[in-house]
């Protein structure tokens, strides 16, 4: 018995590769907010980042920070 609408591994790979060609590059950023003074700092995303994760030290008041946002921005190619 043959099942219709199943894709082979090759078909899935080719579909994935064709989708990658048309994609724009993006930069992922992380926003940390100080729990004491409220200062927000933007930095490059690091592997292991997640929202509400404890961050580093605030550069303004030396308080503790937490990650409040992670987002991507389109990067224009030159």
Protein backbone atom coordinates (compact mmCIF):
# COMPACT_ATOMS: atom_id res chain seq x y z
CA UNK A 1 0.00 0.00 0.00
CA UNK A 2 1.41 3.40 -0.98
CA UNK A 3 0.68 6.49 1.10
CA UNK A 4 0.20 9.74 -0.79
CA UNK A 5 1.80 13.08 0.13
CA UNK A 6 4.86 11.67 1.89
CA UNK A 7 8.16 13.39 1.14
CA UNK A 8 11.48 11.64 0.83
CA UNK A 9 14.49 12.84 2.83
CA UNK A 10 15.95 14.28 -0.39
CA UNK A 11 12.78 16.27 -1.10
CA UNK A 12 12.76 17.68 2.44
CA UNK A 13 16.45 18.65 2.20
CA UNK A 14 15.96 20.33 -1.19
CA UNK A 15 12.97 22.27 0.14
CA UNK A 16 14.94 23.39 3.19
CA UNK A 17 17.93 24.51 1.08
CA UNK A 18 15.75 26.49 -1.34
CA UNK A 19 14.14 28.30 1.61
CA UNK A 20 17.57 29.26 2.98
CA UNK A 21 18.62 30.93 -0.28
CA UNK A 22 15.84 33.51 -0.07
CA UNK A 23 16.29 34.36 3.60
CA UNK A 24 17.75 37.61 4.80
CA UNK A 25 20.49 37.61 7.39
CA UNK A 26 19.55 38.70 10.87
CA UNK A 27 21.29 39.66 14.09
CA UNK A 28 19.86 38.40 17.39
CA UNK A 29 20.08 40.76 20.37
CA UNK A 30 19.39 40.40 24.08
CA UNK A 31 18.06 43.18 26.33
CA UNK A 32 18.99 43.07 30.02
CA UNK A 33 17.23 45.27 32.59
CA UNK A 34 18.59 46.22 36.01
CA UNK A 35 16.33 45.14 38.86
CA UNK A 36 17.43 48.17 40.95
CA UNK A 37 17.60 51.22 38.67
CA UNK A 38 15.76 49.96 35.58
CA UNK A 39 18.57 50.69 33.10
CA UNK A 40 18.28 48.60 29.94
CA UNK A 41 21.33 47.34 28.07
CA UNK A 42 21.43 45.76 24.61
CA UNK A 43 24.02 43.10 23.80
CA UNK A 44 24.60 40.31 21.30
CA UNK A 45 22.64 37.12 21.96
CA UNK A 46 24.67 34.35 23.58
CA UNK A 47 23.90 30.66 23.45
CA UNK A 48 21.89 29.75 26.56
CA UNK A 49 20.10 33.11 26.85
CA UNK A 50 16.40 33.02 27.71
CA UNK A 51 13.87 35.57 28.98
CA UNK A 52 13.92 36.02 32.79
CA UNK A 53 17.40 34.47 33.06
CA UNK A 54 19.66 36.26 35.56
CA UNK A 55 22.00 38.57 33.69
CA UNK A 56 25.19 40.32 34.58
CA UNK A 57 26.00 43.38 36.67
CA UNK A 58 24.46 46.78 35.91
CA UNK A 59 27.03 49.25 34.57
CA UNK A 60 25.23 52.16 36.24
CA UNK A 61 24.52 51.01 39.82
CA UNK A 62 26.23 47.57 39.99
CA UNK A 63 22.86 45.94 40.70
CA UNK A 64 21.70 42.60 39.29
CA UNK A 65 20.12 42.39 35.83
CA UNK A 66 17.78 39.95 34.14
CA UNK A 67 17.03 39.27 30.49
CA UNK A 68 13.73 40.87 29.53
CA UNK A 69 13.76 40.54 25.73
CA UNK A 70 15.39 38.59 22.89
CA UNK A 71 14.74 39.64 19.31
CA UNK A 72 16.10 39.54 15.76
CA UNK A 73 16.89 42.44 13.46
CA UNK A 74 17.33 42.26 9.71
CA UNK A 75 20.87 42.98 8.55
CA UNK A 76 21.23 44.70 5.21
CA UNK A 77 23.84 43.12 2.98
CA UNK A 78 26.28 45.47 1.26
